Amino acid sequence: PMDLDNPEATAKEGIKRLREFFTSIGMPSDFSDFGGKKEDIPVLIENLGGKDHVEHSLRDLGYDDIYKIYEIAAG
């Protein structure tokens, strides 16, 4: 259930459940599942369409934003 008084806990539970779902259908849920490494992040960002920003999301993301997201995924 959602905890409106603690949105961070709700988000973390949602992430946990999404990872469990991905695992249940054999889909990778983080970099290590497909052999990715932290050193791969710049190439992954380049493959998104550019180093400056990406417009293929709900909001424009800059290089640093994308890097941080991938860094979290890389553990």
PDB file of N, CA and C in Angstrom:
ATOM      1  N   PRO A   1       0.815  -1.197   0.000  1.00  0.00           N
ATOM      2  CA  PRO A   1       0.000   0.000   0.000  1.00  0.00           C
ATOM      3  C   PRO A   1       0.861   1.266   0.000  1.00  0.00           C
ATOM      4  N   MET A   2       0.322   2.322  -0.548  1.00  0.00           N
ATOM      5  CA  MET A   2       1.039   3.589  -0.569  1.00  0.00           C
ATOM      6  C   MET A   2       1.018   4.235   0.803  1.00  0.00           C
ATOM      7  N   ASP A   3       2.145   4.782   1.190  1.00  0.00           N
ATOM      8  CA  ASP A   3       2.253   5.519   2.442  1.00  0.00           C
ATOM      9  C   ASP A   3       2.417   6.990   2.079  1.00  0.00           C
ATOM     10  N   LEU A   4       1.325   7.726   2.076  1.00  0.00           N
ATOM     11  CA  LEU A   4       1.365   9.129   1.668  1.00  0.00           C
ATOM     12  C   LEU A   4       2.178   9.987   2.616  1.00  0.00           C
ATOM     13  N   ASP A   5       2.382   9.519   3.839  1.00  0.00           N
ATOM     14  CA  ASP A   5       3.201  10.256   4.791  1.00  0.00           C
ATOM     15  C   ASP A   5       4.687   9.997   4.577  1.00  0.00           C
ATOM     16  N   ASN A   6       5.003   8.941   3.814  1.00  0.00           N
ATOM     17  CA  ASN A   6       6.403   8.596   3.570  1.00  0.00           C
ATOM     18  C   ASN A   6       6.569   8.192   2.096  1.00  0.00           C
ATOM     19  N   PRO A   7       6.557   9.178   1.190  1.00  0.00           N
ATOM     20  CA  PRO A   7       6.638   8.853  -0.240  1.00  0.00           C
ATOM     21  C   PRO A   7       7.932   8.152  -0.632  1.00  0.00           C
ATOM     22  N   GLU A   8       9.024   8.403   0.087  1.00  0.00           N
ATOM     23  CA  GLU A   8      10.287   7.731  -0.234  1.00  0.00           C
ATOM     24  C   GLU A   8      10.172   6.220   0.016  1.00  0.00           C
ATOM     25  N   ALA A   9       9.550   5.846   1.116  1.00  0.00           N
ATOM     26  CA  ALA A   9       9.356   4.424   1.411  1.00  0.00           C
ATOM     27  C   ALA A   9       8.457   3.785   0.359  1.00  0.00           C
ATOM     28  N   THR A  10       7.427   4.509  -0.072  1.00  0.00           N
ATOM     29  CA  THR A  10       6.531   4.002  -1.106  1.00  0.00           C
ATOM     30  C   THR A  10       7.293   3.793  -2.408  1.00  0.00           C
ATOM     31  N   ALA A  11       8.132   4.762  -2.777  1.00  0.00           N
ATOM     32  CA  ALA A  11       8.925   4.645  -4.010  1.00  0.00           C
ATOM     33  C   ALA A  11       9.885   3.465  -3.935  1.00  0.00           C
ATOM     34  N   LYS A  12      10.553   3.302  -2.801  1.00  0.00           N
ATOM     35  CA  LYS A  12      11.500   2.189  -2.653  1.00  0.00           C
ATOM     36  C   LYS A  12      10.793   0.839  -2.732  1.00  0.00           C
ATOM     37  N   GLU A  13       9.611   0.741  -2.160  1.00  0.00           N
ATOM     38  CA  GLU A  13       8.837  -0.502  -2.244  1.00  0.00           C
ATOM     39  C   GLU A  13       8.426  -0.767  -3.687  1.00  0.00           C
ATOM     40  N   GLY A  14       8.049   0.281  -4.408  1.00  0.00           N
ATOM     41  CA  GLY A  14       7.695   0.133  -5.815  1.00  0.00           C
ATOM     42  C   GLY A  14       8.869  -0.337  -6.648  1.00  0.00           C
ATOM     43  N   ILE A  15      10.047   0.208  -6.400  1.00  0.00           N
ATOM     44  CA  ILE A  15      11.262  -0.211  -7.109  1.00  0.00           C
ATOM     45  C   ILE A  15      11.566  -1.665  -6.810  1.00  0.00           C
ATOM     46  N   LYS A  16      11.462  -2.042  -5.544  1.00  0.00           N
ATOM     47  CA  LYS A  16      11.720  -3.429  -5.143  1.00  0.00           C
ATOM     48  C   LYS A  16      10.778  -4.382  -5.874  1.00  0.00           C
ATOM     49  N   ARG A  17       9.502  -4.038  -5.913  1.00  0.00           N
ATOM     50  CA  ARG A  17       8.519  -4.905  -6.565  1.00  0.00           C
ATOM     51  C   ARG A  17       8.718  -4.959  -8.076  1.00  0.00           C
ATOM     52  N   LEU A  18       9.124  -3.847  -8.679  1.00  0.00           N
ATOM     53  CA  LEU A  18       9.391  -3.844 -10.118  1.00  0.00           C
ATOM     54  C   LEU A  18      10.585  -4.735 -10.434  1.00  0.00           C
ATOM     55  N   ARG A  19      11.646  -4.659  -9.620  1.00  0.00           N
ATOM     56  CA  ARG A  19      12.799  -5.541  -9.812  1.00  0.00           C
ATOM     57  C   ARG A  19      12.397  -7.010  -9.669  1.00  0.00           C
ATOM     58  N   GLU A  20      11.572  -7.306  -8.669  1.00  0.00           N
ATOM     59  CA  GLU A  20      11.102  -8.683  -8.487  1.00  0.00           C
ATOM     60  C   GLU A  20      10.326  -9.151  -9.712  1.00  0.00           C
ATOM     61  N   PHE A  21       9.501  -8.267 -10.280  1.00  0.00           N
ATOM     62  CA  PHE A  21       8.748  -8.622 -11.474  1.00  0.00           C
ATOM     63  C   PHE A  21       9.686  -8.882 -12.641  1.00  0.00           C
ATOM     64  N   PHE A  22      10.643  -7.974 -12.864  1.00  0.00           N
ATOM     65  CA  PHE A  22      11.607  -8.167 -13.948  1.00  0.00           C
ATOM     66  C   PHE A  22      12.315  -9.512 -13.802  1.00  0.00           C
ATOM     67  N   THR A  23      12.753  -9.819 -12.588  1.00  0.00           N
ATOM     68  CA  THR A  23      13.435 -11.089 -12.337  1.00  0.00           C
ATOM     69  C   THR A  23      12.507 -12.270 -12.640  1.00  0.00           C
ATOM     70  N   SER A  24      11.243 -12.152 -12.267  1.00  0.00           N
ATOM     71  CA  SER A  24      10.296 -13.259 -12.472  1.00  0.00           C
ATOM     72  C   SER A  24      10.064 -13.569 -13.949  1.00  0.00           C
ATOM     73  N   ILE A  25      10.262 -12.584 -14.830  1.00  0.00           N
ATOM     74  CA  ILE A  25      10.076 -12.827 -16.263  1.00  0.00           C
ATOM     75  C   ILE A  25      11.411 -12.956 -17.000  1.00  0.00           C
ATOM     76  N   GLY A  26      12.501 -13.054 -16.227  1.00  0.00           N
ATOM     77  CA  GLY A  26      13.815 -13.263 -16.817  1.00  0.00           C
ATOM     78  C   GLY A  26      14.428 -12.017 -17.439  1.00  0.00           C
ATOM     79  N   MET A  27      13.947 -10.854 -17.055  1.00  0.00           N
ATOM     80  CA  MET A  27      14.455  -9.597 -17.606  1.00  0.00           C
ATOM     81  C   MET A  27      15.520  -9.024 -16.671  1.00  0.00           C
ATOM     82  N   PRO A  28      16.598  -8.449 -17.212  1.00  0.00           N
ATOM     83  CA  PRO A  28      17.615  -7.855 -16.339  1.00  0.00           C
ATOM     84  C   PRO A  28      17.038  -6.678 -15.557  1.00  0.00           C
ATOM     85  N   SER A  29      17.498  -6.521 -14.323  1.00  0.00           N
ATOM     86  CA  SER A  29      17.010  -5.406 -13.511  1.00  0.00           C
ATOM     87  C   SER A  29      18.113  -4.447 -13.099  1.00  0.00           C
ATOM     88  N   ASP A  30      19.357  -4.800 -13.396  1.00  0.00           N
ATOM     89  CA  ASP A  30      20.454  -3.867 -13.168  1.00  0.00           C
ATOM     90  C   ASP A  30      21.622  -4.226 -14.089  1.00  0.00           C
ATOM     91  N   PHE A  31      22.654  -3.412 -14.065  1.00  0.00           N
ATOM     92  CA  PHE A  31      23.789  -3.578 -14.979  1.00  0.00           C
ATOM     93  C   PHE A  31      24.429  -4.957 -14.878  1.00  0.00           C
ATOM     94  N   SER A  32      24.588  -5.458 -13.680  1.00  0.00           N
ATOM     95  CA  SER A  32      25.306  -6.730 -13.516  1.00  0.00           C
ATOM     96  C   SER A  32      24.572  -7.891 -14.174  1.00  0.00           C
ATOM     97  N   ASP A  33      23.256  -7.781 -14.337  1.00  0.00           N
ATOM     98  CA  ASP A  33      22.479  -8.850 -14.955  1.00  0.00           C
ATOM     99  C   ASP A  33      22.816  -9.051 -16.436  1.00  0.00           C
ATOM    100  N   PHE A  34      23.349  -8.021 -17.070  1.00  0.00           N
ATOM    101  CA  PHE A  34      23.725  -8.176 -18.473  1.00  0.00           C
ATOM    102  C   PHE A  34      25.196  -7.856 -18.728  1.00  0.00           C
ATOM    103  N   GLY A  35      26.002  -7.874 -17.668  1.00  0.00           N
ATOM    104  CA  GLY A  35      27.446  -7.704 -17.810  1.00  0.00           C
ATOM    105  C   GLY A  35      27.902  -6.265 -17.942  1.00  0.00           C
ATOM    106  N   GLY A  36      27.027  -5.312 -17.664  1.00  0.00           N
ATOM    107  CA  GLY A  36      27.403  -3.901 -17.754  1.00  0.00           C
ATOM    108  C   GLY A  36      28.290  -3.480 -16.593  1.00  0.00           C
ATOM    109  N   LYS A  37      29.099  -2.460 -16.845  1.00  0.00           N
ATOM    110  CA  LYS A  37      30.005  -1.922 -15.825  1.00  0.00           C
ATOM    111  C   LYS A  37      29.869  -0.401 -15.774  1.00  0.00           C
ATOM    112  N   LYS A  38      30.288   0.170 -14.671  1.00  0.00           N
ATOM    113  CA  LYS A  38      30.231   1.621 -14.504  1.00  0.00           C
ATOM    114  C   LYS A  38      30.989   2.338 -15.623  1.00  0.00           C
ATOM    115  N   GLU A  39      32.042   1.726 -16.108  1.00  0.00           N
ATOM    116  CA  GLU A  39      32.844   2.337 -17.168  1.00  0.00           C
ATOM    117  C   GLU A  39      32.058   2.456 -18.478  1.00  0.00           C
ATOM    118  N   ASP A  40      30.971   1.715 -18.609  1.00  0.00           N
ATOM    119  CA  ASP A  40      30.147   1.737 -19.823  1.00  0.00           C
ATOM    120  C   ASP A  40      29.201   2.939 -19.888  1.00  0.00           C
ATOM    121  N   ILE A  41      29.036   3.654 -18.788  1.00  0.00           N
ATOM    122  CA  ILE A  41      28.035   4.721 -18.713  1.00  0.00           C
ATOM    123  C   ILE A  41      28.190   5.775 -19.810  1.00  0.00           C
ATOM    124  N   PRO A  42      29.379   6.325 -20.062  1.00  0.00           N
ATOM    125  CA  PRO A  42      29.480   7.345 -21.122  1.00  0.00           C
ATOM    126  C   PRO A  42      29.013   6.842 -22.490  1.00  0.00           C
ATOM    127  N   VAL A  43      29.316   5.592 -22.817  1.00  0.00           N
ATOM    128  CA  VAL A  43      28.882   5.031 -24.102  1.00  0.00           C
ATOM    129  C   VAL A  43      27.362   4.880 -24.126  1.00  0.00           C
ATOM    130  N   LEU A  44      26.778   4.445 -23.018  1.00  0.00           N
ATOM    131  CA  LEU A  44      25.325   4.309 -22.945  1.00  0.00           C
ATOM    132  C   LEU A  44      24.641   5.664 -23.148  1.00  0.00           C
ATOM    133  N   ILE A  45      25.204   6.696 -22.546  1.00  0.00           N
ATOM    134  CA  ILE A  45      24.635   8.032 -22.697  1.00  0.00           C
ATOM    135  C   ILE A  45      24.755   8.502 -24.147  1.00  0.00           C
ATOM    136  N   GLU A  46      25.882   8.251 -24.763  1.00  0.00           N
ATOM    137  CA  GLU A  46      26.057   8.600 -26.178  1.00  0.00           C
ATOM    138  C   GLU A  46      24.994   7.907 -27.028  1.00  0.00           C
ATOM    139  N   ASN A  47      24.683   6.661 -26.711  1.00  0.00           N
ATOM    140  CA  ASN A  47      23.692   5.897 -27.471  1.00  0.00           C
ATOM    141  C   ASN A  47      22.273   6.438 -27.299  1.00  0.00           C
ATOM    142  N   LEU A  48      22.064   7.264 -26.281  1.00  0.00           N
ATOM    143  CA  LEU A  48      20.757   7.891 -26.095  1.00  0.00           C
ATOM    144  C   LEU A  48      20.543   9.041 -27.075  1.00  0.00           C
ATOM    145  N   GLY A  49      21.603   9.466 -27.722  1.00  0.00           N
ATOM    146  CA  GLY A  49      21.437  10.512 -28.724  1.00  0.00           C
ATOM    147  C   GLY A  49      22.252  11.756 -28.485  1.00  0.00           C
ATOM    148  N   GLY A  50      23.111  11.752 -27.510  1.00  0.00           N
ATOM    149  CA  GLY A  50      23.943  12.924 -27.334  1.00  0.00           C
ATOM    150  C   GLY A  50      24.462  13.078 -25.944  1.00  0.00           C
ATOM    151  N   LYS A  51      25.489  13.876 -25.851  1.00  0.00           N
ATOM    152  CA  LYS A  51      26.147  14.082 -24.580  1.00  0.00           C
ATOM    153  C   LYS A  51      25.555  15.258 -23.812  1.00  0.00           C
ATOM    154  N   ASP A  52      24.920  16.184 -24.510  1.00  0.00           N
ATOM    155  CA  ASP A  52      24.450  17.398 -23.855  1.00  0.00           C
ATOM    156  C   ASP A  52      23.133  17.202 -23.105  1.00  0.00           C
ATOM    157  N   HIS A  53      22.156  16.599 -23.763  1.00  0.00           N
ATOM    158  CA  HIS A  53      20.861  16.367 -23.114  1.00  0.00           C
ATOM    159  C   HIS A  53      20.062  15.342 -23.907  1.00  0.00           C
ATOM    160  N   VAL A  54      19.033  14.833 -23.258  1.00  0.00           N
ATOM    161  CA  VAL A  54      18.159  13.847 -23.897  1.00  0.00           C
ATOM    162  C   VAL A  54      16.733  14.363 -23.781  1.00  0.00           C
ATOM    163  N   GLU A  55      16.009  14.339 -24.888  1.00  0.00           N
ATOM    164  CA  GLU A  55      14.642  14.838 -24.893  1.00  0.00           C
ATOM    165  C   GLU A  55      13.622  13.716 -25.002  1.00  0.00           C
ATOM    166  N   HIS A  56      14.052  12.474 -24.830  1.00  0.00           N
ATOM    167  CA  HIS A  56      13.167  11.317 -24.981  1.00  0.00           C
ATOM    168  C   HIS A  56      12.633  10.851 -23.633  1.00  0.00           C
ATOM    169  N   SER A  57      12.245  11.762 -22.800  1.00  0.00           N
ATOM    170  CA  SER A  57      11.769  11.401 -21.474  1.00  0.00           C
ATOM    171  C   SER A  57      10.645  12.363 -21.084  1.00  0.00           C
ATOM    172  N   LEU A  58      10.110  12.182 -19.902  1.00  0.00           N
ATOM    173  CA  LEU A  58       9.055  13.067 -19.439  1.00  0.00           C
ATOM    174  C   LEU A  58       9.541  14.502 -19.296  1.00  0.00           C
ATOM    175  N   ARG A  59      10.828  14.647 -19.048  1.00  0.00           N
ATOM    176  CA  ARG A  59      11.442  15.972 -19.002  1.00  0.00           C
ATOM    177  C   ARG A  59      12.845  15.856 -19.558  1.00  0.00           C
ATOM    178  N   ASP A  60      13.376  16.971 -20.019  1.00  0.00           N
ATOM    179  CA  ASP A  60      14.736  16.950 -20.545  1.00  0.00           C
ATOM    180  C   ASP A  60      15.707  16.588 -19.433  1.00  0.00           C
ATOM    181  N   LEU A  61      16.637  15.708 -19.748  1.00  0.00           N
ATOM    182  CA  LEU A  61      17.651  15.305 -18.784  1.00  0.00           C
ATOM    183  C   LEU A  61      19.015  15.701 -19.314  1.00  0.00           C
ATOM    184  N   GLY A  62      19.820  16.305 -18.472  1.00  0.00           N
ATOM    185  CA  GLY A  62      21.181  16.641 -18.846  1.00  0.00           C
ATOM    186  C   GLY A  62      22.099  15.449 -18.638  1.00  0.00           C
ATOM    187  N   TYR A  63      23.308  15.571 -19.144  1.00  0.00           N
ATOM    188  CA  TYR A  63      24.303  14.503 -19.037  1.00  0.00           C
ATOM    189  C   TYR A  63      24.469  14.071 -17.580  1.00  0.00           C
ATOM    190  N   ASP A  64      24.610  15.030 -16.680  1.00  0.00           N
ATOM    191  CA  ASP A  64      24.827  14.693 -15.261  1.00  0.00           C
ATOM    192  C   ASP A  64      23.638  13.942 -14.672  1.00  0.00           C
ATOM    193  N   ASP A  65      22.418  14.332 -15.060  1.00  0.00           N
ATOM    194  CA  ASP A  65      21.217  13.635 -14.581  1.00  0.00           C
ATOM    195  C   ASP A  65      21.242  12.169 -15.018  1.00  0.00           C
ATOM    196  N   ILE A  66      21.515  11.975 -16.315  1.00  0.00           N
ATOM    197  CA  ILE A  66      21.531  10.625 -16.873  1.00  0.00           C
ATOM    198  C   ILE A  66      22.647   9.806 -16.232  1.00  0.00           C
ATOM    199  N   TYR A  67      23.794  10.418 -16.060  1.00  0.00           N
ATOM    200  CA  TYR A  67      24.934   9.709 -15.466  1.00  0.00           C
ATOM    201  C   TYR A  67      24.561   9.207 -14.069  1.00  0.00           C
ATOM    202  N   LYS A  68      23.914  10.071 -13.270  1.00  0.00           N
ATOM    203  CA  LYS A  68      23.533   9.687 -11.905  1.00  0.00           C
ATOM    204  C   LYS A  68      22.551   8.506 -11.916  1.00  0.00           C
ATOM    205  N   ILE A  69      21.591   8.524 -12.851  1.00  0.00           N
ATOM    206  CA  ILE A  69      20.631   7.426 -12.956  1.00  0.00           C
ATOM    207  C   ILE A  69      21.358   6.117 -13.277  1.00  0.00           C
ATOM    208  N   TYR A  70      22.251   6.178 -14.268  1.00  0.00           N
ATOM    209  CA  TYR A  70      23.009   4.963 -14.633  1.00  0.00           C
ATOM    210  C   TYR A  70      23.949   4.539 -13.510  1.00  0.00           C
ATOM    211  N   GLU A  71      24.501   5.494 -12.800  1.00  0.00           N
ATOM    212  CA  GLU A  71      25.396   5.173 -11.691  1.00  0.00           C
ATOM    213  C   GLU A  71      24.646   4.392 -10.604  1.00  0.00           C
ATOM    214  N   ILE A  72      23.412   4.785 -10.344  1.00  0.00           N
ATOM    215  CA  ILE A  72      22.583   4.057  -9.377  1.00  0.00           C
ATOM    216  C   ILE A  72      22.318   2.636  -9.882  1.00  0.00           C
ATOM    217  N   ALA A  73      22.008   2.521 -11.171  1.00  0.00           N
ATOM    218  CA  ALA A  73      21.745   1.197 -11.748  1.00  0.00           C
ATOM    219  C   ALA A  73      22.979   0.306 -11.717  1.00  0.00           C
ATOM    220  N   ALA A  74      24.153   0.926 -11.814  1.00  0.00           N
ATOM    221  CA  ALA A  74      25.398   0.166 -11.814  1.00  0.00           C
ATOM    222  C   ALA A  74      25.791  -0.268 -10.404  1.00  0.00           C
ATOM    223  N   GLY A  75      25.147   0.323  -9.408  1.00  0.00           N
ATOM    224  CA  GLY A  75      25.453  -0.062  -8.034  1.00  0.00           C
ATOM    225  C   GLY A  75      26.647   0.617  -7.575  1.00  0.00           C
TER     226      GLY A  75
END
